[in-house]
């Protein structure tokens, strides 16, 4: 039986492939579009300093506040994924420039205060979430910062979506076996597109032979996606802190077999970019990198997690 493409309907075609048993299976390809909608407003011309939690808006009068509107879906009532946002200001100052961009399906019906007043609005049923943005890049004509969504999602030690990544890592002992994580306590993280995988292990100190006994261990990290490895590492550490709130005194370590990775200027360069520092070698000759508790990011819940009461 040959492959078959159905006639176009409403501008769409479907392709079916012979699967070898006398039947056809629909061929489905992941598809989508990327768009960058923008919106702007002008804040009132005053110099009153903002306090934490104040609303930044186009008017000091509550009844005159107009929310910015972004069109992000291809069709009305459709769905989309917001991956990141950029906030730019006309001021070149980056001092105390931290913002929270709240997102709603429709504009809040009630805005209690205007610009420079405490943020207080209605709209719980339409609230989507928020981006936290630090404006930390100054230019000659303004300043900007970027907020991003969480890249990691909770996974597990036998997640079939993660197996291809695990099998391509040099530390894999038995490629093809359903489990890819060392025995014991672990946190497994996988990106939505299954193009990066991370494992934090927490072996009991009495079973550890290296000199960082009791520390968290990044026992696996592979990134085949477009996100910077250093950013994924920092986010994975934050997720680990969320998963296990009590940070070990020795923080987190990872070990690199220099015979199995590509030569770089510094071994573990992406870890070093994320604040880790070299702390010696294991008895077997592996390069050891450590991230101490004081250098760790704040806890951050990965996708699929649940808020603790």
Protein backbone atom coordinates (compact mmCIF):
# COMPACT_ATOMS: atom_id res chain seq x y z
CA UNK A 1 0.00 0.00 0.00
CA UNK A 2 1.40 3.41 -0.98
CA UNK A 3 1.41 6.64 1.01
CA UNK A 4 -1.71 8.73 0.47
CA UNK A 5 -2.35 12.46 0.71
CA UNK A 6 -5.96 13.47 1.26
CA UNK A 7 -7.41 16.37 -0.79
CA UNK A 8 -7.16 19.79 0.80
CA UNK A 9 -10.01 20.80 3.08
CA UNK A 10 -10.21 24.31 4.56
CA UNK A 11 -6.68 24.88 3.29
CA UNK A 12 -5.26 21.83 5.08
CA UNK A 13 -4.03 18.50 3.72
CA UNK A 14 -3.42 15.26 5.55
CA UNK A 15 -0.81 12.65 4.66
CA UNK A 16 -1.14 8.99 5.58
CA UNK A 17 1.75 6.53 5.56
CA UNK A 18 1.76 2.79 5.00
CA UNK A 19 2.84 1.22 8.30
CA UNK A 20 3.41 -2.21 6.76
CA UNK A 21 0.43 -4.10 8.09
CA UNK A 22 -2.09 -3.14 5.46
CA UNK A 23 -3.16 0.04 7.26
CA UNK A 24 -2.38 3.75 7.04
CA UNK A 25 -1.32 6.06 9.87
CA UNK A 26 -1.68 9.82 9.76
CA UNK A 27 1.63 11.67 9.57
CA UNK A 28 1.55 14.49 12.08
CA UNK A 29 4.28 17.12 12.16
CA UNK A 30 4.82 19.58 14.95
CA UNK A 31 4.13 23.01 13.58
CA UNK A 32 3.54 26.53 14.72
CA UNK A 33 4.44 30.14 14.19
CA UNK A 34 6.53 32.55 16.21
CA UNK A 35 5.28 36.08 16.63
CA UNK A 36 6.53 39.10 18.55
CA UNK A 37 3.57 41.37 19.35
CA UNK A 38 4.34 44.73 20.94
CA UNK A 39 2.49 47.37 22.89
CA UNK A 40 3.53 50.68 24.44
CA UNK A 41 2.27 53.34 26.82
CA UNK A 42 3.52 56.64 28.22
CA UNK A 43 3.62 57.06 31.98
CA UNK A 44 2.70 60.40 33.59
CA UNK A 45 5.36 63.10 33.65
CA UNK A 46 6.17 63.10 37.35
CA UNK A 47 9.27 62.24 39.36
CA UNK A 48 7.66 60.54 42.35
CA UNK A 49 9.61 57.41 43.23
CA UNK A 50 7.79 54.10 42.95
CA UNK A 51 7.49 51.83 45.97
CA UNK A 52 7.58 48.05 45.78
CA UNK A 53 4.21 46.80 44.55
CA UNK A 54 3.16 50.07 42.89
CA UNK A 55 1.33 50.10 39.57
CA UNK A 56 3.14 51.57 36.57
CA UNK A 57 0.45 52.87 34.20
CA UNK A 58 -0.51 55.54 31.72
CA UNK A 59 -2.49 57.67 34.19
CA UNK A 60 -2.54 58.58 37.87
CA UNK A 61 -6.34 58.40 37.73
CA UNK A 62 -7.70 54.90 38.29
CA UNK A 63 -10.59 55.34 35.88
CA UNK A 64 -8.26 56.42 33.09
CA UNK A 65 -5.81 53.50 33.32
CA UNK A 66 -5.71 51.59 30.03
CA UNK A 67 -4.07 48.17 29.97
CA UNK A 68 -1.74 47.29 27.12
CA UNK A 69 -3.25 44.82 24.67
CA UNK A 70 -1.33 42.12 22.79
CA UNK A 71 -2.76 39.86 20.09
CA UNK A 72 -0.93 36.55 20.46
CA UNK A 73 -3.24 33.88 18.99
CA UNK A 74 -3.72 33.08 15.33
CA UNK A 75 -7.48 32.75 15.80
CA UNK A 76 -9.95 34.11 18.33
CA UNK A 77 -10.24 31.75 21.27
CA UNK A 78 -7.15 29.84 20.18
CA UNK A 79 -4.16 28.90 22.28
CA UNK A 80 -0.54 30.00 22.40
CA UNK A 81 2.62 29.66 24.45
CA UNK A 82 4.39 32.68 25.87
CA UNK A 83 8.09 31.88 26.14
CA UNK A 84 9.67 35.24 26.93
CA UNK A 85 9.02 38.96 26.97
CA UNK A 86 11.16 42.10 26.73
CA UNK A 87 10.43 45.29 28.62
CA UNK A 88 12.09 48.47 27.37
CA UNK A 89 12.05 51.95 28.88
CA UNK A 90 13.03 55.33 27.50
CA UNK A 91 15.14 55.95 30.60
CA UNK A 92 18.74 54.74 30.56
CA UNK A 93 18.72 54.02 34.30
CA UNK A 94 18.80 50.43 35.54
CA UNK A 95 18.65 51.32 39.24
CA UNK A 96 15.83 49.53 41.10
CA UNK A 97 14.34 48.59 37.72
CA UNK A 98 12.51 45.35 38.55
CA UNK A 99 9.01 44.85 37.20
CA UNK A 100 6.26 42.23 37.19
CA UNK A 101 4.21 42.07 34.01
CA UNK A 102 0.76 40.64 34.81
CA UNK A 103 -1.13 38.89 32.01
CA UNK A 104 -4.92 38.58 31.66
CA UNK A 105 -7.15 37.17 28.94
CA UNK A 106 -9.16 40.39 29.03
CA UNK A 107 -8.42 43.75 30.61
CA UNK A 108 -9.37 43.94 34.32
CA UNK A 109 -12.76 45.57 34.80
CA UNK A 110 -11.70 47.30 38.00
CA UNK A 111 -8.43 49.16 38.58
CA UNK A 112 -8.44 50.56 42.12
CA UNK A 113 -5.46 52.92 41.81
CA UNK A 114 -3.62 54.78 39.11
CA UNK A 115 0.07 55.11 38.38
CA UNK A 116 2.24 55.16 41.52
CA UNK A 117 -0.56 53.62 43.60
CA UNK A 118 -0.61 50.08 44.96
CA UNK A 119 -1.35 47.44 42.32
CA UNK A 120 -4.96 46.37 42.95
CA UNK A 121 -7.20 45.06 40.17
CA UNK A 122 -10.05 42.64 39.56
CA UNK A 123 -9.91 39.75 37.08
CA UNK A 124 -9.08 36.55 38.94
CA UNK A 125 -11.01 34.43 36.41
CA UNK A 126 -8.99 35.85 33.51
CA UNK A 127 -5.58 35.93 35.17
CA UNK A 128 -2.95 33.92 33.28
CA UNK A 129 0.27 34.60 35.14
CA UNK A 130 3.19 36.99 35.24
CA UNK A 131 6.72 37.59 34.02
CA UNK A 132 9.31 38.98 36.44
CA UNK A 133 11.67 41.26 34.54
CA UNK A 134 14.81 43.07 35.66
CA UNK A 135 15.77 45.92 33.35
CA UNK A 136 19.52 45.44 33.52
CA UNK A 137 20.84 46.45 30.09
CA UNK A 138 21.45 50.14 29.49
CA UNK A 139 21.77 51.67 26.03
CA UNK A 140 22.24 55.22 24.81
CA UNK A 141 18.52 55.52 24.02
CA UNK A 142 16.95 53.56 26.87
CA UNK A 143 17.21 50.35 28.87
CA UNK A 144 15.76 46.86 28.56
CA UNK A 145 15.37 43.52 30.29
CA UNK A 146 14.02 40.10 29.38
CA UNK A 147 11.76 37.77 31.31
CA UNK A 148 11.41 34.12 30.37
CA UNK A 149 9.19 31.22 31.27
CA UNK A 150 10.48 28.17 33.10
CA UNK A 151 12.29 25.83 30.73
CA UNK A 152 12.29 22.69 32.89
CA UNK A 153 9.42 20.37 33.68
CA UNK A 154 9.31 17.54 36.21
CA UNK A 155 10.13 14.16 34.70
CA UNK A 156 11.09 10.74 36.10
CA UNK A 157 13.88 8.19 35.92
CA UNK A 158 12.21 6.12 33.18
CA UNK A 159 10.61 8.84 31.06
CA UNK A 160 10.55 7.44 27.48
CA UNK A 161 10.72 10.99 26.06
CA UNK A 162 14.09 11.44 27.76
CA UNK A 163 15.64 8.11 26.71
CA UNK A 164 17.08 9.33 23.38
CA UNK A 165 18.93 12.13 25.16
CA UNK A 166 20.11 9.77 27.87
CA UNK A 167 21.39 7.27 25.31
CA UNK A 168 23.49 9.97 23.65
CA UNK A 169 25.29 10.95 26.87
CA UNK A 170 28.78 9.54 27.40
CA UNK A 171 27.98 8.43 30.95
CA UNK A 172 25.19 6.09 29.82
CA UNK A 173 26.03 2.58 31.05
CA UNK A 174 23.37 0.57 29.18
CA UNK A 175 21.90 2.47 26.21
CA UNK A 176 18.35 1.37 25.52
CA UNK A 177 17.57 0.29 29.08
CA UNK A 178 14.36 1.90 30.39
CA UNK A 179 15.96 3.62 33.40
CA UNK A 180 18.79 6.13 33.08
CA UNK A 181 19.23 7.50 36.63
CA UNK A 182 21.48 6.14 39.39
CA UNK A 183 19.66 4.46 42.31
CA UNK A 184 18.58 6.65 45.20
CA UNK A 185 17.05 10.09 45.64
CA UNK A 186 16.81 12.08 42.44
CA UNK A 187 15.16 14.98 40.63
CA UNK A 188 14.72 14.51 36.87
CA UNK A 189 14.01 17.53 34.66
CA UNK A 190 13.15 17.58 30.96
CA UNK A 191 12.41 20.51 28.67
CA UNK A 192 9.08 20.72 26.89
CA UNK A 193 10.64 19.87 23.51
CA UNK A 194 12.66 17.04 25.08
CA UNK A 195 15.88 18.67 23.89
CA UNK A 196 17.56 18.98 27.29
CA UNK A 197 17.74 16.62 30.26
CA UNK A 198 19.01 17.14 33.81
CA UNK A 199 19.31 14.85 36.82
CA UNK A 200 20.13 15.93 40.36
CA UNK A 201 21.06 12.98 42.57
CA UNK A 202 21.34 13.15 46.34
CA UNK A 203 23.18 10.04 47.51
CA UNK A 204 23.36 9.36 51.21
CA UNK A 205 26.71 10.53 52.56
CA UNK A 206 27.64 7.16 54.04
CA UNK A 207 27.64 5.60 50.57
CA UNK A 208 29.77 8.30 48.92
CA UNK A 209 33.50 7.85 48.37
CA UNK A 210 34.49 11.28 47.03
CA UNK A 211 35.24 14.17 49.40
CA UNK A 212 31.98 16.02 48.72
CA UNK A 213 29.83 13.49 50.56
CA UNK A 214 26.38 14.83 51.33
CA UNK A 215 26.31 17.31 48.45
CA UNK A 216 23.76 17.29 45.66
CA UNK A 217 25.25 15.87 42.47
CA UNK A 218 24.42 16.85 38.93
CA UNK A 219 24.74 13.30 37.63
CA UNK A 220 23.44 14.04 34.16
CA UNK A 221 23.08 17.09 31.92
CA UNK A 222 22.67 17.16 28.16
CA UNK A 223 21.44 20.10 26.10
CA UNK A 224 20.63 19.75 22.40
CA UNK A 225 18.30 22.75 22.23
CA UNK A 226 18.70 26.48 21.57
CA UNK A 227 18.65 27.64 25.22
CA UNK A 228 22.02 28.53 26.72
CA UNK A 229 23.38 25.67 28.80
CA UNK A 230 24.44 28.06 31.55
CA UNK A 231 20.85 29.34 31.81
CA UNK A 232 19.48 25.80 31.99
CA UNK A 233 22.01 24.90 34.68
CA UNK A 234 21.05 27.88 36.83
CA UNK A 235 17.36 27.10 36.43
CA UNK A 236 17.93 23.41 37.27
CA UNK A 237 19.70 24.39 40.49
CA UNK A 238 16.76 26.65 41.35
CA UNK A 239 14.38 23.75 40.68
CA UNK A 240 16.49 21.52 42.90
CA UNK A 241 16.22 24.05 45.71
CA UNK A 242 12.44 24.03 45.27
CA UNK A 243 12.38 20.22 45.32
CA UNK A 244 14.66 19.92 48.37
CA UNK A 245 14.42 23.17 50.39
CA UNK A 246 17.26 22.21 52.76
CA UNK A 247 20.46 22.90 50.84
CA UNK A 248 23.43 20.68 51.84
CA UNK A 249 26.37 22.58 53.36
CA UNK A 250 28.56 21.57 50.42
CA UNK A 251 25.99 22.68 47.86
CA UNK A 252 26.09 20.86 44.53
CA UNK A 253 28.91 19.23 42.58
CA UNK A 254 29.36 17.67 39.18
CA UNK A 255 32.15 15.62 37.65
CA UNK A 256 33.53 15.79 34.11
CA UNK A 257 35.39 13.05 32.28
CA UNK A 258 37.73 15.11 30.10
CA UNK A 259 38.41 12.10 27.89
CA UNK A 260 34.77 11.97 26.81
CA UNK A 261 33.93 15.61 26.04
CA UNK A 262 35.09 18.09 23.44
CA UNK A 263 38.12 20.15 24.36
CA UNK A 264 37.23 23.70 25.43
CA UNK A 265 39.24 26.55 26.88
CA UNK A 266 37.97 25.57 30.32
CA UNK A 267 36.52 22.19 31.25
CA UNK A 268 32.89 22.61 32.24
CA UNK A 269 32.71 26.08 30.74
CA UNK A 270 28.89 26.25 30.79
CA UNK A 271 28.94 25.39 34.51
CA UNK A 272 31.54 28.08 35.17
CA UNK A 273 29.36 30.59 33.33
CA UNK A 274 26.61 29.63 35.78
CA UNK A 275 28.81 30.37 38.81
CA UNK A 276 30.35 26.96 39.49
CA UNK A 277 34.06 26.78 40.26
CA UNK A 278 36.67 24.04 39.86
CA UNK A 279 37.57 22.38 43.16
CA UNK A 280 39.98 19.62 42.16
CA UNK A 281 39.71 16.06 40.92
CA UNK A 282 38.28 12.77 42.10
CA UNK A 283 40.58 9.83 42.76
CA UNK A 284 39.61 8.56 39.33
CA UNK A 285 40.76 11.77 37.66
CA UNK A 286 37.41 13.43 36.97
CA UNK A 287 37.31 17.23 37.08
CA UNK A 288 35.13 18.40 39.98
CA UNK A 289 33.07 21.59 39.86
CA UNK A 290 31.13 22.95 42.83
CA UNK A 291 28.36 25.48 43.37
CA UNK A 292 28.28 26.61 46.99
CA UNK A 293 24.95 27.42 48.70
CA UNK A 294 25.65 31.17 48.85
CA UNK A 295 26.04 31.27 45.05
CA UNK A 296 22.81 29.41 44.29
CA UNK A 297 19.75 31.08 42.74
CA UNK A 298 16.49 31.35 44.63
CA UNK A 299 14.16 28.31 44.54
CA UNK A 300 11.96 28.12 41.45
CA UNK A 301 9.19 25.62 40.80
CA UNK A 302 9.53 23.72 37.50
CA UNK A 303 6.58 23.11 35.22
CA UNK A 304 4.43 20.32 36.55
CA UNK A 305 5.20 21.16 40.19
CA UNK A 306 2.67 22.10 42.83
CA UNK A 307 2.87 25.01 45.23
CA UNK A 308 3.45 23.99 48.83
CA UNK A 309 1.03 25.27 51.46
